[in-house]
Amino acid sequence: MNAPEPVRQPLSDEEVDLHISDCGRRMVAAMAAGDRPDADQWRERMYEAINSRTPEHRARMTARIDSAIWFQSEEALAMGKAP
């Protein structure tokens, strides 16, 4: 008798981001090794994971990025280095 497939829970936002990073590292390693087909497979997996982000996850990421950009521009203004 075959064992039932395990129930897979959705990945958390952090797990998705870690998976994306891991796929990217593996893609780069495969390219460095001259294995283009393997690199292409890792790239496809990375894009699938990126596209799997929920709207809420994307909104949180955008807010973090916007906040970092604002902080850096405010810091540059304070130092007199902003355009």
PDB file of N, CA and C in Angstrom:
ATOM      1  N   MET A   1       0.842  -1.172   0.000  1.00  0.00           N
ATOM      2  CA  MET A   1       0.000   0.000   0.000  1.00  0.00           C
ATOM      3  C   MET A   1       0.889   1.238   0.000  1.00  0.00           C
ATOM      4  N   ASN A   2       0.531   2.212  -0.811  1.00  0.00           N
ATOM      5  CA  ASN A   2       1.288   3.458  -0.891  1.00  0.00           C
ATOM      6  C   ASN A   2       0.926   4.373   0.269  1.00  0.00           C
ATOM      7  N   ALA A   3       1.948   5.030   0.805  1.00  0.00           N
ATOM      8  CA  ALA A   3       1.714   5.993   1.890  1.00  0.00           C
ATOM      9  C   ALA A   3       1.031   7.226   1.309  1.00  0.00           C
ATOM     10  N   PRO A   4       0.132   7.816   2.069  1.00  0.00           N
ATOM     11  CA  PRO A   4      -0.527   9.026   1.554  1.00  0.00           C
ATOM     12  C   PRO A   4       0.471  10.173   1.451  1.00  0.00           C
ATOM     13  N   GLU A   5       0.208  11.078   0.521  1.00  0.00           N
ATOM     14  CA  GLU A   5       1.038  12.269   0.371  1.00  0.00           C
ATOM     15  C   GLU A   5       0.896  13.128   1.617  1.00  0.00           C
ATOM     16  N   PRO A   6       1.992  13.682   2.104  1.00  0.00           N
ATOM     17  CA  PRO A   6       1.879  14.560   3.273  1.00  0.00           C
ATOM     18  C   PRO A   6       1.105  15.824   2.909  1.00  0.00           C
ATOM     19  N   VAL A   7       0.384  16.341   3.877  1.00  0.00           N
ATOM     20  CA  VAL A   7      -0.350  17.585   3.659  1.00  0.00           C
ATOM     21  C   VAL A   7       0.659  18.715   3.699  1.00  0.00           C
ATOM     22  N   ARG A   8       0.692  19.500   2.656  1.00  0.00           N
ATOM     23  CA  ARG A   8       1.650  20.606   2.580  1.00  0.00           C
ATOM     24  C   ARG A   8       0.955  21.900   2.970  1.00  0.00           C
ATOM     25  N   GLN A   9       1.517  22.528   3.970  1.00  0.00           N
ATOM     26  CA  GLN A   9       1.002  23.823   4.411  1.00  0.00           C
ATOM     27  C   GLN A   9       1.627  24.908   3.541  1.00  0.00           C
ATOM     28  N   PRO A  10       0.894  25.999   3.337  1.00  0.00           N
ATOM     29  CA  PRO A  10       1.505  27.096   2.577  1.00  0.00           C
ATOM     30  C   PRO A  10       2.742  27.615   3.304  1.00  0.00           C
ATOM     31  N   LEU A  11       3.707  28.074   2.537  1.00  0.00           N
ATOM     32  CA  LEU A  11       4.913  28.631   3.131  1.00  0.00           C
ATOM     33  C   LEU A  11       4.615  30.003   3.722  1.00  0.00           C
ATOM     34  N   SER A  12       5.323  30.322   4.795  1.00  0.00           N
ATOM     35  CA  SER A  12       5.208  31.668   5.359  1.00  0.00           C
ATOM     36  C   SER A  12       5.929  32.641   4.424  1.00  0.00           C
ATOM     37  N   ASP A  13       5.703  33.937   4.612  1.00  0.00           N
ATOM     38  CA  ASP A  13       6.392  34.939   3.803  1.00  0.00           C
ATOM     39  C   ASP A  13       7.902  34.763   3.891  1.00  0.00           C
ATOM     40  N   GLU A  14       8.393  34.524   5.098  1.00  0.00           N
ATOM     41  CA  GLU A  14       9.827  34.359   5.294  1.00  0.00           C
ATOM     42  C   GLU A  14      10.339  33.124   4.566  1.00  0.00           C
ATOM     43  N   GLU A  15       9.568  32.041   4.601  1.00  0.00           N
ATOM     44  CA  GLU A  15       9.978  30.814   3.915  1.00  0.00           C
ATOM     45  C   GLU A  15       9.993  31.017   2.401  1.00  0.00           C
ATOM     46  N   VAL A  16       9.027  31.753   1.879  1.00  0.00           N
ATOM     47  CA  VAL A  16       9.004  32.043   0.447  1.00  0.00           C
ATOM     48  C   VAL A  16      10.248  32.839   0.070  1.00  0.00           C
ATOM     49  N   ASP A  17      10.561  33.870   0.861  1.00  0.00           N
ATOM     50  CA  ASP A  17      11.737  34.694   0.571  1.00  0.00           C
ATOM     51  C   ASP A  17      13.025  33.883   0.657  1.00  0.00           C
ATOM     52  N   LEU A  18      13.122  32.986   1.635  1.00  0.00           N
ATOM     53  CA  LEU A  18      14.297  32.116   1.737  1.00  0.00           C
ATOM     54  C   LEU A  18      14.401  31.179   0.537  1.00  0.00           C
ATOM     55  N   HIS A  19      13.265  30.652   0.104  1.00  0.00           N
ATOM     56  CA  HIS A  19      13.239  29.764  -1.062  1.00  0.00           C
ATOM     57  C   HIS A  19      13.690  30.521  -2.315  1.00  0.00           C
ATOM     58  N   ILE A  20      13.227  31.760  -2.462  1.00  0.00           N
ATOM     59  CA  ILE A  20      13.626  32.577  -3.611  1.00  0.00           C
ATOM     60  C   ILE A  20      15.137  32.791  -3.592  1.00  0.00           C
ATOM     61  N   SER A  21      15.676  33.144  -2.430  1.00  0.00           N
ATOM     62  CA  SER A  21      17.121  33.349  -2.302  1.00  0.00           C
ATOM     63  C   SER A  21      17.892  32.072  -2.616  1.00  0.00           C
ATOM     64  N   ASP A  22      17.396  30.944  -2.105  1.00  0.00           N
ATOM     65  CA  ASP A  22      18.061  29.668  -2.339  1.00  0.00           C
ATOM     66  C   ASP A  22      18.063  29.327  -3.824  1.00  0.00           C
ATOM     67  N   CYS A  23      16.936  29.518  -4.482  1.00  0.00           N
ATOM     68  CA  CYS A  23      16.874  29.246  -5.923  1.00  0.00           C
ATOM     69  C   CYS A  23      17.856  30.134  -6.678  1.00  0.00           C
ATOM     70  N   GLY A  24      17.951  31.402  -6.271  1.00  0.00           N
ATOM     71  CA  GLY A  24      18.881  32.321  -6.926  1.00  0.00           C
ATOM     72  C   GLY A  24      20.327  31.878  -6.755  1.00  0.00           C
ATOM     73  N   ARG A  25      20.678  31.464  -5.541  1.00  0.00           N
ATOM     74  CA  ARG A  25      22.048  30.985  -5.296  1.00  0.00           C
ATOM     75  C   ARG A  25      22.345  29.740  -6.131  1.00  0.00           C
ATOM     76  N   ARG A  26      21.378  28.841  -6.200  1.00  0.00           N
ATOM     77  CA  ARG A  26      21.587  27.614  -6.981  1.00  0.00           C
ATOM     78  C   ARG A  26      21.688  27.917  -8.475  1.00  0.00           C
ATOM     79  N   MET A  27      20.919  28.900  -8.941  1.00  0.00           N
ATOM     80  CA  MET A  27      20.976  29.304 -10.339  1.00  0.00           C
ATOM     81  C   MET A  27      22.371  29.850 -10.661  1.00  0.00           C
ATOM     82  N   VAL A  28      22.878  30.727  -9.802  1.00  0.00           N
ATOM     83  CA  VAL A  28      24.213  31.306 -10.017  1.00  0.00           C
ATOM     84  C   VAL A  28      25.277  30.217  -9.986  1.00  0.00           C
ATOM     85  N   ALA A  29      25.161  29.288  -9.044  1.00  0.00           N
ATOM     86  CA  ALA A  29      26.136  28.196  -8.952  1.00  0.00           C
ATOM     87  C   ALA A  29      26.105  27.332 -10.211  1.00  0.00           C
ATOM     88  N   ALA A  30      24.912  27.058 -10.714  1.00  0.00           N
ATOM     89  CA  ALA A  30      24.808  26.245 -11.927  1.00  0.00           C
ATOM     90  C   ALA A  30      25.416  26.979 -13.117  1.00  0.00           C
ATOM     91  N   MET A  31      25.196  28.284 -13.209  1.00  0.00           N
ATOM     92  CA  MET A  31      25.796  29.058 -14.303  1.00  0.00           C
ATOM     93  C   MET A  31      27.321  29.050 -14.185  1.00  0.00           C
ATOM     94  N   ALA A  32      27.821  29.207 -12.950  1.00  0.00           N
ATOM     95  CA  ALA A  32      29.269  29.199 -12.737  1.00  0.00           C
ATOM     96  C   ALA A  32      29.873  27.853 -13.126  1.00  0.00           C
ATOM     97  N   ALA A  33      29.095  26.784 -12.957  1.00  0.00           N
ATOM     98  CA  ALA A  33      29.560  25.443 -13.310  1.00  0.00           C
ATOM     99  C   ALA A  33      29.352  25.143 -14.799  1.00  0.00           C
ATOM    100  N   GLY A  34      28.763  26.100 -15.523  1.00  0.00           N
ATOM    101  CA  GLY A  34      28.535  25.901 -16.949  1.00  0.00           C
ATOM    102  C   GLY A  34      27.337  25.026 -17.265  1.00  0.00           C
ATOM    103  N   ASP A  35      26.437  24.863 -16.304  1.00  0.00           N
ATOM    104  CA  ASP A  35      25.258  24.008 -16.497  1.00  0.00           C
ATOM    105  C   ASP A  35      24.035  24.884 -16.755  1.00  0.00           C
ATOM    106  N   ARG A  36      23.896  25.347 -17.982  1.00  0.00           N
ATOM    107  CA  ARG A  36      22.810  26.260 -18.339  1.00  0.00           C
ATOM    108  C   ARG A  36      21.427  25.640 -18.144  1.00  0.00           C
ATOM    109  N   PRO A  37      21.206  24.382 -18.530  1.00  0.00           N
ATOM    110  CA  PRO A  37      19.872  23.799 -18.319  1.00  0.00           C
ATOM    111  C   PRO A  37      19.465  23.783 -16.841  1.00  0.00           C
ATOM    112  N   ASP A  38      20.397  23.443 -15.955  1.00  0.00           N
ATOM    113  CA  ASP A  38      20.093  23.435 -14.526  1.00  0.00           C
ATOM    114  C   ASP A  38      19.834  24.859 -14.038  1.00  0.00           C
ATOM    115  N   ALA A  39      20.645  25.805 -14.505  1.00  0.00           N
ATOM    116  CA  ALA A  39      20.446  27.203 -14.124  1.00  0.00           C
ATOM    117  C   ALA A  39      19.066  27.684 -14.561  1.00  0.00           C
ATOM    118  N   ASP A  40      18.650  27.307 -15.760  1.00  0.00           N
ATOM    119  CA  ASP A  40      17.323  27.702 -16.248  1.00  0.00           C
ATOM    120  C   ASP A  40      16.211  27.126 -15.383  1.00  0.00           C
ATOM    121  N   GLN A  41      16.393  25.883 -14.928  1.00  0.00           N
ATOM    122  CA  GLN A  41      15.375  25.282 -14.056  1.00  0.00           C
ATOM    123  C   GLN A  41      15.289  26.030 -12.731  1.00  0.00           C
ATOM    124  N   TRP A  42      16.444  26.411 -12.154  1.00  0.00           N
ATOM    125  CA  TRP A  42      16.429  27.157 -10.890  1.00  0.00           C
ATOM    126  C   TRP A  42      15.836  28.541 -11.081  1.00  0.00           C
ATOM    127  N   ARG A  43      16.109  29.151 -12.247  1.00  0.00           N
ATOM    128  CA  ARG A  43      15.518  30.460 -12.534  1.00  0.00           C
ATOM    129  C   ARG A  43      13.998  30.353 -12.617  1.00  0.00           C
ATOM    130  N   GLU A  44      13.506  29.323 -13.278  1.00  0.00           N
ATOM    131  CA  GLU A  44      12.059  29.122 -13.385  1.00  0.00           C
ATOM    132  C   GLU A  44      11.432  28.916 -12.008  1.00  0.00           C
ATOM    133  N   ARG A  45      12.082  28.117 -11.170  1.00  0.00           N
ATOM    134  CA  ARG A  45      11.575  27.904  -9.808  1.00  0.00           C
ATOM    135  C   ARG A  45      11.577  29.207  -9.011  1.00  0.00           C
ATOM    136  N   MET A  46      12.615  30.011  -9.182  1.00  0.00           N
ATOM    137  CA  MET A  46      12.700  31.283  -8.479  1.00  0.00           C
ATOM    138  C   MET A  46      11.548  32.195  -8.912  1.00  0.00           C
ATOM    139  N   TYR A  47      11.304  32.277 -10.218  1.00  0.00           N
ATOM    140  CA  TYR A  47      10.205  33.125 -10.701  1.00  0.00           C
ATOM    141  C   TYR A  47       8.851  32.606 -10.237  1.00  0.00           C
ATOM    142  N   GLU A  48       8.681  31.297 -10.196  1.00  0.00           N
ATOM    143  CA  GLU A  48       7.426  30.736  -9.676  1.00  0.00           C
ATOM    144  C   GLU A  48       7.211  31.166  -8.230  1.00  0.00           C
ATOM    145  N   ALA A  49       8.274  31.101  -7.443  1.00  0.00           N
ATOM    146  CA  ALA A  49       8.171  31.493  -6.037  1.00  0.00           C
ATOM    147  C   ALA A  49       7.893  32.986  -5.907  1.00  0.00           C
ATOM    148  N   ILE A  50       8.560  33.802  -6.725  1.00  0.00           N
ATOM    149  CA  ILE A  50       8.305  35.247  -6.688  1.00  0.00           C
ATOM    150  C   ILE A  50       6.840  35.521  -7.002  1.00  0.00           C
ATOM    151  N   ASN A  51       6.323  34.849  -8.018  1.00  0.00           N
ATOM    152  CA  ASN A  51       4.933  35.065  -8.419  1.00  0.00           C
ATOM    153  C   ASN A  51       3.929  34.480  -7.432  1.00  0.00           C
ATOM    154  N   SER A  52       4.401  33.631  -6.513  1.00  0.00           N
ATOM    155  CA  SER A  52       3.495  33.043  -5.530  1.00  0.00           C
ATOM    156  C   SER A  52       3.266  33.961  -4.330  1.00  0.00           C
ATOM    157  N   ARG A  53       4.023  35.065  -4.251  1.00  0.00           N
ATOM    158  CA  ARG A  53       3.839  35.987  -3.130  1.00  0.00           C
ATOM    159  C   ARG A  53       2.410  36.520  -3.137  1.00  0.00           C
ATOM    160  N   THR A  54       1.841  36.565  -1.944  1.00  0.00           N
ATOM    161  CA  THR A  54       0.468  37.078  -1.819  1.00  0.00           C
ATOM    162  C   THR A  54       0.475  38.599  -1.964  1.00  0.00           C
ATOM    163  N   PRO A  55      -0.687  39.186  -2.264  1.00  0.00           N
ATOM    164  CA  PRO A  55      -0.757  40.646  -2.315  1.00  0.00           C
ATOM    165  C   PRO A  55      -0.328  41.292  -0.997  1.00  0.00           C
ATOM    166  N   GLU A  56      -0.651  40.654   0.119  1.00  0.00           N
ATOM    167  CA  GLU A  56      -0.263  41.198   1.421  1.00  0.00           C
ATOM    168  C   GLU A  56       1.257  41.179   1.592  1.00  0.00           C
ATOM    169  N   HIS A  57       1.872  40.083   1.159  1.00  0.00           N
ATOM    170  CA  HIS A  57       3.331  39.954   1.230  1.00  0.00           C
ATOM    171  C   HIS A  57       3.978  41.036   0.365  1.00  0.00           C
ATOM    172  N   ARG A  58       3.471  41.219  -0.840  1.00  0.00           N
ATOM    173  CA  ARG A  58       4.017  42.239  -1.734  1.00  0.00           C
ATOM    174  C   ARG A  58       3.852  43.634  -1.136  1.00  0.00           C
ATOM    175  N   ALA A  59       2.714  43.888  -0.507  1.00  0.00           N
ATOM    176  CA  ALA A  59       2.471  45.203   0.109  1.00  0.00           C
ATOM    177  C   ALA A  59       3.453  45.460   1.246  1.00  0.00           C
ATOM    178  N   ARG A  60       3.706  44.428   2.071  1.00  0.00           N
ATOM    179  CA  ARG A  60       4.668  44.597   3.175  1.00  0.00           C
ATOM    180  C   ARG A  60       6.070  44.845   2.638  1.00  0.00           C
ATOM    181  N   MET A  61       6.442  44.138   1.585  1.00  0.00           N
ATOM    182  CA  MET A  61       7.764  44.342   0.992  1.00  0.00           C
ATOM    183  C   MET A  61       7.883  45.754   0.423  1.00  0.00           C
ATOM    184  N   THR A  62       6.859  46.197  -0.273  1.00  0.00           N
ATOM    185  CA  THR A  62       6.871  47.539  -0.846  1.00  0.00           C
ATOM    186  C   THR A  62       6.980  48.591   0.244  1.00  0.00           C
ATOM    187  N   ALA A  63       6.260  48.404   1.335  1.00  0.00           N
ATOM    188  CA  ALA A  63       6.318  49.358   2.444  1.00  0.00           C
ATOM    189  C   ALA A  63       7.718  49.402   3.047  1.00  0.00           C
ATOM    190  N   ARG A  64       8.345  48.241   3.216  1.00  0.00           N
ATOM    191  CA  ARG A  64       9.711  48.205   3.755  1.00  0.00           C
ATOM    192  C   ARG A  64      10.694  48.904   2.828  1.00  0.00           C
ATOM    193  N   ILE A  65      10.561  48.648   1.540  1.00  0.00           N
ATOM    194  CA  ILE A  65      11.462  49.270   0.563  1.00  0.00           C
ATOM    195  C   ILE A  65      11.241  50.781   0.543  1.00  0.00           C
ATOM    196  N   ASP A  66       9.981  51.199   0.509  1.00  0.00           N
ATOM    197  CA  ASP A  66       9.683  52.635   0.512  1.00  0.00           C
ATOM    198  C   ASP A  66      10.231  53.306   1.762  1.00  0.00           C
ATOM    199  N   SER A  67      10.095  52.638   2.889  1.00  0.00           N
ATOM    200  CA  SER A  67      10.595  53.189   4.143  1.00  0.00           C
ATOM    201  C   SER A  67      12.115  53.325   4.101  1.00  0.00           C
ATOM    202  N   ALA A  68      12.790  52.327   3.576  1.00  0.00           N
ATOM    203  CA  ALA A  68      14.249  52.375   3.489  1.00  0.00           C
ATOM    204  C   ALA A  68      14.697  53.487   2.553  1.00  0.00           C
ATOM    205  N   ILE A  69      14.002  53.649   1.443  1.00  0.00           N
ATOM    206  CA  ILE A  69      14.348  54.720   0.499  1.00  0.00           C
ATOM    207  C   ILE A  69      14.130  56.072   1.163  1.00  0.00           C
ATOM    208  N   TRP A  70      13.009  56.235   1.850  1.00  0.00           N
ATOM    209  CA  TRP A  70      12.725  57.501   2.521  1.00  0.00           C
ATOM    210  C   TRP A  70      13.788  57.793   3.568  1.00  0.00           C
ATOM    211  N   PHE A  71      14.127  56.773   4.379  1.00  0.00           N
ATOM    212  CA  PHE A  71      15.120  56.977   5.433  1.00  0.00           C
ATOM    213  C   PHE A  71      16.454  57.387   4.828  1.00  0.00           C
ATOM    214  N   GLN A  72      16.870  56.718   3.763  1.00  0.00           N
ATOM    215  CA  GLN A  72      18.147  57.046   3.142  1.00  0.00           C
ATOM    216  C   GLN A  72      18.124  58.449   2.549  1.00  0.00           C
ATOM    217  N   SER A  73      17.010  58.846   1.947  1.00  0.00           N
ATOM    218  CA  SER A  73      16.953  60.182   1.353  1.00  0.00           C
ATOM    219  C   SER A  73      16.938  61.236   2.461  1.00  0.00           C
ATOM    220  N   GLU A  74      16.244  60.981   3.561  1.00  0.00           N
ATOM    221  CA  GLU A  74      16.227  61.926   4.689  1.00  0.00           C
ATOM    222  C   GLU A  74      17.608  62.035   5.304  1.00  0.00           C
ATOM    223  N   GLU A  75      18.295  60.903   5.409  1.00  0.00           N
ATOM    224  CA  GLU A  75      19.645  60.893   5.963  1.00  0.00           C
ATOM    225  C   GLU A  75      20.587  61.672   5.041  1.00  0.00           C
ATOM    226  N   ALA A  76      20.444  61.484   3.733  1.00  0.00           N
ATOM    227  CA  ALA A  76      21.281  62.210   2.782  1.00  0.00           C
ATOM    228  C   ALA A  76      20.993  63.713   2.847  1.00  0.00           C
ATOM    229  N   LEU A  77      19.727  64.090   2.969  1.00  0.00           N
ATOM    230  CA  LEU A  77      19.378  65.499   3.089  1.00  0.00           C
ATOM    231  C   LEU A  77      20.032  66.104   4.334  1.00  0.00           C
ATOM    232  N   ALA A  78      19.976  65.370   5.429  1.00  0.00           N
ATOM    233  CA  ALA A  78      20.551  65.868   6.681  1.00  0.00           C
ATOM    234  C   ALA A  78      22.062  66.039   6.565  1.00  0.00           C
ATOM    235  N   MET A  79      22.678  65.210   5.739  1.00  0.00           N
ATOM    236  CA  MET A  79      24.131  65.301   5.562  1.00  0.00           C
ATOM    237  C   MET A  79      24.503  66.267   4.438  1.00  0.00           C
ATOM    238  N   GLY A  80      23.482  66.840   3.780  1.00  0.00           N
ATOM    239  CA  GLY A  80      23.740  67.770   2.685  1.00  0.00           C
ATOM    240  C   GLY A  80      24.209  67.113   1.408  1.00  0.00           C
ATOM    241  N   LYS A  81      23.889  65.818   1.245  1.00  0.00           N
ATOM    242  CA  LYS A  81      24.368  65.084   0.076  1.00  0.00           C
ATOM    243  C   LYS A  81      23.259  64.741  -0.916  1.00  0.00           C
ATOM    244  N   ALA A  82      22.032  65.148  -0.618  1.00  0.00           N
ATOM    245  CA  ALA A  82      20.931  64.829  -1.528  1.00  0.00           C
ATOM    246  C   ALA A  82      20.890  65.876  -2.634  1.00  0.00           C
ATOM    247  N   PRO A  83      20.435  65.492  -3.815  1.00  0.00           N
ATOM    248  CA  PRO A  83      20.354  66.454  -4.932  1.00  0.00           C
ATOM    249  C   PRO A  83      19.370  67.567  -4.654  1.00  0.00           C
TER     250      PRO A  83
END
